[in-house]
Amino acid sequence: MSLLATLRPQLLRTAAATTGSTASTSSLLVASPFYGPSPSSSVLPSFAFGGSVQTRNSTKRGGGSTKNNRNSAGRRLGVKRHSGQYVQAGEIIYRQRGTSWHAGPNVAMGRDHTLFATSSGYVHFFYPNPATPATSFSTATTTTPSSSSSPSSTSTGALPALAQKTYVAPDLVTVPHPSSKKQTRRYVGVSLVPDAAFPRPQGEKRQRKFEKIDINDLNKQIKAVRLHNAEAAL
């Protein structure tokens, strides 16, 4: 009885250890993806594409190319002031590369083809007047007798009248550059009044604004004010 009493607890412990190892092995078999998903298993979720793992590939910048990030910043080209908008002298109206637009009245072009206002006024985008006749030079010749036919002119010392030539230059050039694909030039102008119509008639006088200050008169006024304040303080 004493021998059985001593062996019975050892046998029970061995049986319990065997049962635990069998249960853990069976649970691993059920949960392992190598043996296929089990409908009764709730340990791992079932994947639609067979349990694939998502991977992240390197990007272009992370690849270490020597040509990455070599582009310069944008130049912000285009219209800066729209038609009818009021501008001050020096404000940029249009940024461009090349001569897509040309400078009209009260507008100048910078060395990078930027159009800016030279006087305060209102912006206008317009096409010029139709082209003038083919001859821009008008020659008016006065008929005077030559020196050979009138010897008296040389004897008195009077010189024969020369041919008088008058050059009529159009305000705006209508014909584009030979390498340009445009049919005609486009211009940007600034008018002193908002209701001005462009293009202006050819030969019309320019409208200019004199915004300068008479410094001498201003200094006289300043001296008069200072003298008045000094007398009032006495």
C-alpha atoms as a PDB file:
ATOM      1  CA  MET A   1       0.000   0.000   0.000  1.00  0.00           C
ATOM      2  CA  SER A   2       2.820   2.321   0.753  1.00  0.00           C
ATOM      3  CA  LEU A   3       4.439   1.710  -2.655  1.00  0.00           C
ATOM      4  CA  LEU A   4       1.185   2.362  -4.559  1.00  0.00           C
ATOM      5  CA  ALA A   5       0.586   5.457  -2.496  1.00  0.00           C
ATOM      6  CA  THR A   6       3.977   6.817  -3.448  1.00  0.00           C
ATOM      7  CA  LEU A   7       3.719   5.980  -7.204  1.00  0.00           C
ATOM      8  CA  ARG A   8       0.173   7.264  -7.752  1.00  0.00           C
ATOM      9  CA  PRO A   9       0.960  11.018  -7.504  1.00  0.00           C
ATOM     10  CA  GLN A  10       3.886  10.608  -9.932  1.00  0.00           C
ATOM     11  CA  LEU A  11       1.668   8.829 -12.478  1.00  0.00           C
ATOM     12  CA  LEU A  12      -0.958  11.533 -12.190  1.00  0.00           C
ATOM     13  CA  ARG A  13       1.623  14.265 -12.784  1.00  0.00           C
ATOM     14  CA  THR A  14       2.988  12.423 -15.869  1.00  0.00           C
ATOM     15  CA  ALA A  15      -0.500  12.004 -17.335  1.00  0.00           C
ATOM     16  CA  ALA A  16      -1.316  15.673 -16.780  1.00  0.00           C
ATOM     17  CA  ALA A  17       1.925  16.758 -18.497  1.00  0.00           C
ATOM     18  CA  THR A  18       1.209  14.501 -21.483  1.00  0.00           C
ATOM     19  CA  THR A  19      -2.318  15.881 -21.852  1.00  0.00           C
ATOM     20  CA  GLY A  20      -1.074  19.504 -21.717  1.00  0.00           C
ATOM     21  CA  SER A  21       1.570  18.951 -24.375  1.00  0.00           C
ATOM     22  CA  THR A  22      -0.941  17.277 -26.661  1.00  0.00           C
ATOM     23  CA  ALA A  23      -3.441  20.122 -26.261  1.00  0.00           C
ATOM     24  CA  SER A  24      -0.855  22.814 -26.972  1.00  0.00           C
ATOM     25  CA  THR A  25       0.359  20.986 -30.070  1.00  0.00           C
ATOM     26  CA  SER A  26      -3.158  20.572 -31.418  1.00  0.00           C
ATOM     27  CA  SER A  27      -3.938  24.261 -30.847  1.00  0.00           C
ATOM     28  CA  LEU A  28      -0.820  25.230 -32.798  1.00  0.00           C
ATOM     29  CA  LEU A  29      -1.816  22.940 -35.616  1.00  0.00           C
ATOM     30  CA  VAL A  30      -5.219  24.588 -35.790  1.00  0.00           C
ATOM     31  CA  ALA A  31      -3.808  28.125 -35.691  1.00  0.00           C
ATOM     32  CA  SER A  32      -0.873  27.530 -38.064  1.00  0.00           C
ATOM     33  CA  PRO A  33      -1.413  28.913 -41.608  1.00  0.00           C
ATOM     34  CA  PHE A  34       0.688  26.140 -43.137  1.00  0.00           C
ATOM     35  CA  TYR A  35      -2.079  23.614 -42.577  1.00  0.00           C
ATOM     36  CA  GLY A  36      -4.770  25.815 -44.121  1.00  0.00           C
ATOM     37  CA  PRO A  37      -7.326  28.016 -42.420  1.00  0.00           C
ATOM     38  CA  SER A  38      -9.711  26.339 -40.102  1.00  0.00           C
ATOM     39  CA  PRO A  39     -13.333  27.520 -40.049  1.00  0.00           C
ATOM     40  CA  SER A  40     -13.466  26.937 -36.293  1.00  0.00           C
ATOM     41  CA  SER A  41     -10.249  28.884 -35.561  1.00  0.00           C
ATOM     42  CA  SER A  42     -10.549  32.415 -34.190  1.00  0.00           C
ATOM     43  CA  VAL A  43      -6.845  32.990 -33.489  1.00  0.00           C
ATOM     44  CA  LEU A  44      -5.782  34.462 -36.884  1.00  0.00           C
ATOM     45  CA  PRO A  45      -8.019  36.351 -39.343  1.00  0.00           C
ATOM     46  CA  SER A  46      -8.569  34.910 -42.789  1.00  0.00           C
ATOM     47  CA  PHE A  47      -6.926  36.912 -45.634  1.00  0.00           C
ATOM     48  CA  ALA A  48      -8.586  37.289 -49.015  1.00  0.00           C
ATOM     49  CA  PHE A  49      -5.259  36.858 -50.858  1.00  0.00           C
ATOM     50  CA  GLY A  50      -3.870  33.927 -48.968  1.00  0.00           C
ATOM     51  CA  GLY A  51      -2.236  35.684 -46.016  1.00  0.00           C
ATOM     52  CA  SER A  52       0.175  37.867 -48.060  1.00  0.00           C
ATOM     53  CA  VAL A  53       2.292  40.474 -46.266  1.00  0.00           C
ATOM     54  CA  GLN A  54       2.212  44.120 -47.470  1.00  0.00           C
ATOM     55  CA  THR A  55       5.637  45.523 -48.345  1.00  0.00           C
ATOM     56  CA  ARG A  56       6.690  49.158 -48.937  1.00  0.00           C
ATOM     57  CA  ASN A  57       9.120  49.862 -51.750  1.00  0.00           C
ATOM     58  CA  SER A  58      11.528  52.789 -51.784  1.00  0.00           C
ATOM     59  CA  THR A  59      10.524  56.047 -53.475  1.00  0.00           C
ATOM     60  CA  LYS A  60      12.367  57.973 -56.173  1.00  0.00           C
ATOM     61  CA  ARG A  61      13.805  60.463 -53.715  1.00  0.00           C
ATOM     62  CA  GLY A  62      14.948  57.704 -51.406  1.00  0.00           C
ATOM     63  CA  GLY A  63      16.739  55.964 -54.240  1.00  0.00           C
ATOM     64  CA  GLY A  64      19.604  58.426 -54.031  1.00  0.00           C
ATOM     65  CA  SER A  65      19.523  59.781 -57.593  1.00  0.00           C
ATOM     66  CA  THR A  66      21.858  62.705 -58.267  1.00  0.00           C
ATOM     67  CA  LYS A  67      19.201  64.452 -60.384  1.00  0.00           C
ATOM     68  CA  ASN A  68      16.627  64.751 -57.615  1.00  0.00           C
ATOM     69  CA  ASN A  69      15.304  68.160 -56.597  1.00  0.00           C
ATOM     70  CA  ARG A  70      17.198  70.137 -59.223  1.00  0.00           C
ATOM     71  CA  ASN A  71      14.262  72.067 -60.676  1.00  0.00           C
ATOM     72  CA  SER A  72      14.119  75.739 -59.810  1.00  0.00           C
ATOM     73  CA  ALA A  73      11.075  77.374 -58.286  1.00  0.00           C
ATOM     74  CA  GLY A  74       8.305  78.622 -60.542  1.00  0.00           C
ATOM     75  CA  ARG A  75       8.653  82.133 -61.901  1.00  0.00           C
ATOM     76  CA  ARG A  76       4.988  83.027 -61.294  1.00  0.00           C
ATOM     77  CA  LEU A  77       4.372  84.251 -64.823  1.00  0.00           C
ATOM     78  CA  GLY A  78       1.129  85.705 -66.122  1.00  0.00           C
ATOM     79  CA  VAL A  79      -1.204  88.618 -65.531  1.00  0.00           C
ATOM     80  CA  LYS A  80      -0.665  90.553 -62.302  1.00  0.00           C
ATOM     81  CA  ARG A  81      -3.072  93.452 -62.939  1.00  0.00           C
ATOM     82  CA  HIS A  82      -6.263  92.966 -64.926  1.00  0.00           C
ATOM     83  CA  SER A  83      -8.048  95.250 -67.366  1.00  0.00           C
ATOM     84  CA  GLY A  84      -9.648  98.265 -65.704  1.00  0.00           C
ATOM     85  CA  GLN A  85      -7.628  97.868 -62.522  1.00  0.00           C
ATOM     86  CA  TYR A  86      -5.907 100.925 -61.069  1.00  0.00           C
ATOM     87  CA  VAL A  87      -2.113 100.753 -60.813  1.00  0.00           C
ATOM     88  CA  GLN A  88       0.619 102.966 -59.457  1.00  0.00           C
ATOM     89  CA  ALA A  89       3.810 103.848 -61.290  1.00  0.00           C
ATOM     90  CA  GLY A  90       6.243 100.942 -61.102  1.00  0.00           C
ATOM     91  CA  GLU A  91       3.669  98.201 -60.502  1.00  0.00           C
ATOM     92  CA  ILE A  92       4.116  95.034 -62.537  1.00  0.00           C
ATOM     93  CA  ILE A  93       1.254  94.362 -64.936  1.00  0.00           C
ATOM     94  CA  TYR A  94       2.383  91.256 -66.812  1.00  0.00           C
ATOM     95  CA  ARG A  95       5.259  88.798 -66.333  1.00  0.00           C
ATOM     96  CA  GLN A  96       6.287  86.830 -69.395  1.00  0.00           C
ATOM     97  CA  ARG A  97       9.109  85.050 -71.148  1.00  0.00           C
ATOM     98  CA  GLY A  98       9.376  86.545 -74.598  1.00  0.00           C
ATOM     99  CA  THR A  99       7.195  89.261 -76.093  1.00  0.00           C
ATOM    100  CA  SER A 100       3.740  87.773 -75.907  1.00  0.00           C
ATOM    101  CA  TRP A 101       2.513  91.279 -75.015  1.00  0.00           C
ATOM    102  CA  HIS A 102       4.164  94.582 -75.892  1.00  0.00           C
ATOM    103  CA  ALA A 103       4.393  97.877 -74.055  1.00  0.00           C
ATOM    104  CA  GLY A 104       1.807 100.495 -74.992  1.00  0.00           C
ATOM    105  CA  PRO A 105       1.167 104.008 -73.666  1.00  0.00           C
ATOM    106  CA  ASN A 106       2.512 104.637 -70.156  1.00  0.00           C
ATOM    107  CA  VAL A 107       3.944 101.101 -70.009  1.00  0.00           C
ATOM    108  CA  ALA A 108       7.571  99.976 -70.276  1.00  0.00           C
ATOM    109  CA  MET A 109       9.263  96.598 -70.709  1.00  0.00           C
ATOM    110  CA  GLY A 110      12.079  95.356 -68.504  1.00  0.00           C
ATOM    111  CA  ARG A 111      15.051  93.302 -69.609  1.00  0.00           C
ATOM    112  CA  ASP A 112      13.245  90.091 -68.603  1.00  0.00           C
ATOM    113  CA  HIS A 113      10.216  91.158 -70.726  1.00  0.00           C
ATOM    114  CA  THR A 114       8.218  92.192 -67.671  1.00  0.00           C
ATOM    115  CA  LEU A 115       5.660  94.925 -68.408  1.00  0.00           C
ATOM    116  CA  PHE A 116       5.251  97.586 -65.727  1.00  0.00           C
ATOM    117  CA  ALA A 117       3.425 100.897 -65.466  1.00  0.00           C
ATOM    118  CA  THR A 118       5.365 104.133 -65.848  1.00  0.00           C
ATOM    119  CA  SER A 119       2.465 106.278 -64.657  1.00  0.00           C
ATOM    120  CA  SER A 120      -0.501 105.765 -62.377  1.00  0.00           C
ATOM    121  CA  GLY A 121      -3.730 104.961 -64.179  1.00  0.00           C
ATOM    122  CA  TYR A 122      -5.992 102.184 -65.426  1.00  0.00           C
ATOM    123  CA  VAL A 123      -4.840  99.060 -67.266  1.00  0.00           C
ATOM    124  CA  HIS A 124      -6.015  98.248 -70.803  1.00  0.00           C
ATOM    125  CA  PHE A 125      -5.263  95.212 -72.988  1.00  0.00           C
ATOM    126  CA  PHE A 126      -5.870  95.923 -76.664  1.00  0.00           C
ATOM    127  CA  TYR A 127      -4.925  95.332 -80.286  1.00  0.00           C
ATOM    128  CA  PRO A 128      -3.525  98.225 -82.338  1.00  0.00           C
ATOM    129  CA  ASN A 129      -5.282  99.974 -85.191  1.00  0.00           C
ATOM    130  CA  PRO A 130      -5.204  98.336 -88.626  1.00  0.00           C
ATOM    131  CA  ALA A 131      -1.950  98.736 -90.473  1.00  0.00           C
ATOM    132  CA  THR A 132      -1.296 102.054 -92.174  1.00  0.00           C
ATOM    133  CA  PRO A 133      -0.479 102.218 -95.909  1.00  0.00           C
ATOM    134  CA  ALA A 134       2.652 100.474 -97.026  1.00  0.00           C
ATOM    135  CA  THR A 135       4.677 103.687 -97.325  1.00  0.00           C
ATOM    136  CA  SER A 136       5.376 105.247 -93.976  1.00  0.00           C
ATOM    137  CA  PHE A 137       7.563 107.885 -95.576  1.00  0.00           C
ATOM    138  CA  SER A 138       5.702 110.742 -97.276  1.00  0.00           C
ATOM    139  CA  THR A 139       7.955 112.847 -99.486  1.00  0.00           C
ATOM    140  CA  ALA A 140       6.902 116.332-100.529  1.00  0.00           C
ATOM    141  CA  THR A 141       9.200 117.807-103.126  1.00  0.00           C
ATOM    142  CA  THR A 142       8.929 121.436-104.121  1.00  0.00           C
ATOM    143  CA  THR A 143       9.586 122.196-107.776  1.00  0.00           C
ATOM    144  CA  THR A 144      12.295 124.816-107.933  1.00  0.00           C
ATOM    145  CA  PRO A 145      14.454 125.718-110.888  1.00  0.00           C
ATOM    146  CA  SER A 146      17.871 124.163-110.856  1.00  0.00           C
ATOM    147  CA  SER A 147      21.037 126.169-110.509  1.00  0.00           C
ATOM    148  CA  SER A 148      21.982 125.582-114.146  1.00  0.00           C
ATOM    149  CA  SER A 149      18.685 126.957-115.496  1.00  0.00           C
ATOM    150  CA  SER A 150      18.696 130.049-113.254  1.00  0.00           C
ATOM    151  CA  PRO A 151      22.180 131.546-113.052  1.00  0.00           C
ATOM    152  CA  SER A 152      20.839 134.467-111.080  1.00  0.00           C
ATOM    153  CA  SER A 153      20.314 132.253-108.020  1.00  0.00           C
ATOM    154  CA  THR A 154      24.012 131.532-107.761  1.00  0.00           C
ATOM    155  CA  SER A 155      24.969 135.095-108.381  1.00  0.00           C
ATOM    156  CA  THR A 156      22.820 136.353-105.521  1.00  0.00           C
ATOM    157  CA  GLY A 157      24.109 133.629-103.177  1.00  0.00           C
ATOM    158  CA  ALA A 158      20.718 131.945-102.568  1.00  0.00           C
ATOM    159  CA  LEU A 159      20.788 128.152-102.366  1.00  0.00           C
ATOM    160  CA  PRO A 160      18.180 126.042-104.131  1.00  0.00           C
ATOM    161  CA  ALA A 161      15.426 124.654-101.926  1.00  0.00           C
ATOM    162  CA  LEU A 162      16.001 121.047-100.833  1.00  0.00           C
ATOM    163  CA  ALA A 163      13.393 118.320-100.992  1.00  0.00           C
ATOM    164  CA  GLN A 164      11.329 118.325 -97.796  1.00  0.00           C
ATOM    165  CA  LYS A 165      10.780 114.877 -96.283  1.00  0.00           C
ATOM    166  CA  THR A 166       8.284 114.177 -93.553  1.00  0.00           C
ATOM    167  CA  TYR A 167       8.352 110.920 -91.599  1.00  0.00           C
ATOM    168  CA  VAL A 168       5.053 109.724 -90.186  1.00  0.00           C
ATOM    169  CA  ALA A 169       5.715 107.006 -87.637  1.00  0.00           C
ATOM    170  CA  PRO A 170       2.757 104.960 -86.421  1.00  0.00           C
ATOM    171  CA  ASP A 171       2.214 104.941 -82.689  1.00  0.00           C
ATOM    172  CA  LEU A 172       2.152 101.159 -82.422  1.00  0.00           C
ATOM    173  CA  VAL A 173       3.663  98.552 -84.700  1.00  0.00           C
ATOM    174  CA  THR A 174       1.025  96.208 -86.073  1.00  0.00           C
ATOM    175  CA  VAL A 175       3.222  93.717 -87.915  1.00  0.00           C
ATOM    176  CA  PRO A 176       4.716  91.061 -85.604  1.00  0.00           C
ATOM    177  CA  HIS A 177       8.246  89.758 -85.733  1.00  0.00           C
ATOM    178  CA  PRO A 178       8.974  87.476 -88.727  1.00  0.00           C
ATOM    179  CA  SER A 179       9.663  84.552 -86.404  1.00  0.00           C
ATOM    180  CA  SER A 180       6.393  85.047 -84.512  1.00  0.00           C
ATOM    181  CA  LYS A 181       3.320  82.938 -85.241  1.00  0.00           C
ATOM    182  CA  LYS A 182       0.888  85.647 -84.145  1.00  0.00           C
ATOM    183  CA  GLN A 183      -1.171  87.555 -86.690  1.00  0.00           C
ATOM    184  CA  THR A 184      -0.721  90.901 -84.981  1.00  0.00           C
ATOM    185  CA  ARG A 185       0.855  92.393 -81.907  1.00  0.00           C
ATOM    186  CA  ARG A 186      -0.921  92.787 -78.597  1.00  0.00           C
ATOM    187  CA  TYR A 187      -0.355  95.721 -76.316  1.00  0.00           C
ATOM    188  CA  VAL A 188      -0.816  96.718 -72.698  1.00  0.00           C
ATOM    189  CA  GLY A 189      -1.460 100.375 -71.935  1.00  0.00           C
ATOM    190  CA  VAL A 190      -2.295 102.575 -68.977  1.00  0.00           C
ATOM    191  CA  SER A 191      -4.782 105.433 -69.291  1.00  0.00           C
ATOM    192  CA  LEU A 192      -5.170 108.388 -66.955  1.00  0.00           C
ATOM    193  CA  VAL A 193      -8.974 108.106 -66.921  1.00  0.00           C
ATOM    194  CA  PRO A 194     -10.954 104.873 -66.523  1.00  0.00           C
ATOM    195  CA  ASP A 195     -13.268 105.437 -69.517  1.00  0.00           C
ATOM    196  CA  ALA A 196     -10.501 105.910 -72.096  1.00  0.00           C
ATOM    197  CA  ALA A 197     -10.812 103.872 -75.300  1.00  0.00           C
ATOM    198  CA  PHE A 198      -7.900 101.954 -76.781  1.00  0.00           C
ATOM    199  CA  PRO A 199      -6.352 101.953 -79.315  1.00  0.00           C
ATOM    200  CA  ARG A 200      -6.031 105.710 -79.563  1.00  0.00           C
ATOM    201  CA  PRO A 201      -6.458 107.379 -82.975  1.00  0.00           C
ATOM    202  CA  GLN A 202      -3.198 107.594 -84.849  1.00  0.00           C
ATOM    203  CA  GLY A 203      -1.475 110.943 -84.485  1.00  0.00           C
ATOM    204  CA  GLU A 204      -3.418 111.983 -81.390  1.00  0.00           C
ATOM    205  CA  LYS A 205      -1.493 113.754 -78.660  1.00  0.00           C
ATOM    206  CA  ARG A 206      -0.364 111.701 -75.736  1.00  0.00           C
ATOM    207  CA  GLN A 207      -1.943 112.104 -72.334  1.00  0.00           C
ATOM    208  CA  ARG A 208       0.694 112.525 -69.663  1.00  0.00           C
ATOM    209  CA  LYS A 209       0.460 113.166 -65.964  1.00  0.00           C
ATOM    210  CA  PHE A 210       2.949 115.427 -64.225  1.00  0.00           C
ATOM    211  CA  GLU A 211       3.082 114.172 -60.663  1.00  0.00           C
ATOM    212  CA  LYS A 212       6.314 115.889 -59.668  1.00  0.00           C
ATOM    213  CA  ILE A 213       6.513 118.276 -56.730  1.00  0.00           C
ATOM    214  CA  ASP A 214       8.001 121.764 -56.842  1.00  0.00           C
ATOM    215  CA  ILE A 215      10.752 121.390 -54.265  1.00  0.00           C
ATOM    216  CA  ASN A 216      11.510 125.118 -54.112  1.00  0.00           C
ATOM    217  CA  ASP A 217       7.903 126.015 -53.385  1.00  0.00           C
ATOM    218  CA  LEU A 218       7.693 123.231 -50.810  1.00  0.00           C
ATOM    219  CA  ASN A 219      10.794 124.506 -49.004  1.00  0.00           C
ATOM    220  CA  LYS A 220       9.343 128.032 -48.933  1.00  0.00           C
ATOM    221  CA  GLN A 221       6.155 126.740 -47.340  1.00  0.00           C
ATOM    222  CA  ILE A 222       8.140 124.811 -44.733  1.00  0.00           C
ATOM    223  CA  LYS A 223      10.174 127.895 -43.830  1.00  0.00           C
ATOM    224  CA  ALA A 224       7.018 130.006 -43.555  1.00  0.00           C
ATOM    225  CA  VAL A 225       5.405 127.478 -41.211  1.00  0.00           C
ATOM    226  CA  ARG A 226       8.513 127.315 -39.015  1.00  0.00           C
ATOM    227  CA  LEU A 227       8.716 131.115 -38.834  1.00  0.00           C
ATOM    228  CA  HIS A 228       5.054 131.338 -37.904  1.00  0.00           C
ATOM    229  CA  ASN A 229       5.474 128.741 -35.160  1.00  0.00           C
ATOM    230  CA  ALA A 230       8.529 130.555 -33.796  1.00  0.00           C
ATOM    231  CA  GLU A 231       6.674 133.875 -33.651  1.00  0.00           C
ATOM    232  CA  ALA A 232       3.702 132.256 -31.945  1.00  0.00           C
ATOM    233  CA  ALA A 233       5.956 130.760 -29.280  1.00  0.00           C
ATOM    234  CA  LEU A 234       7.345 134.187 -28.236  1.00  0.00           C
END
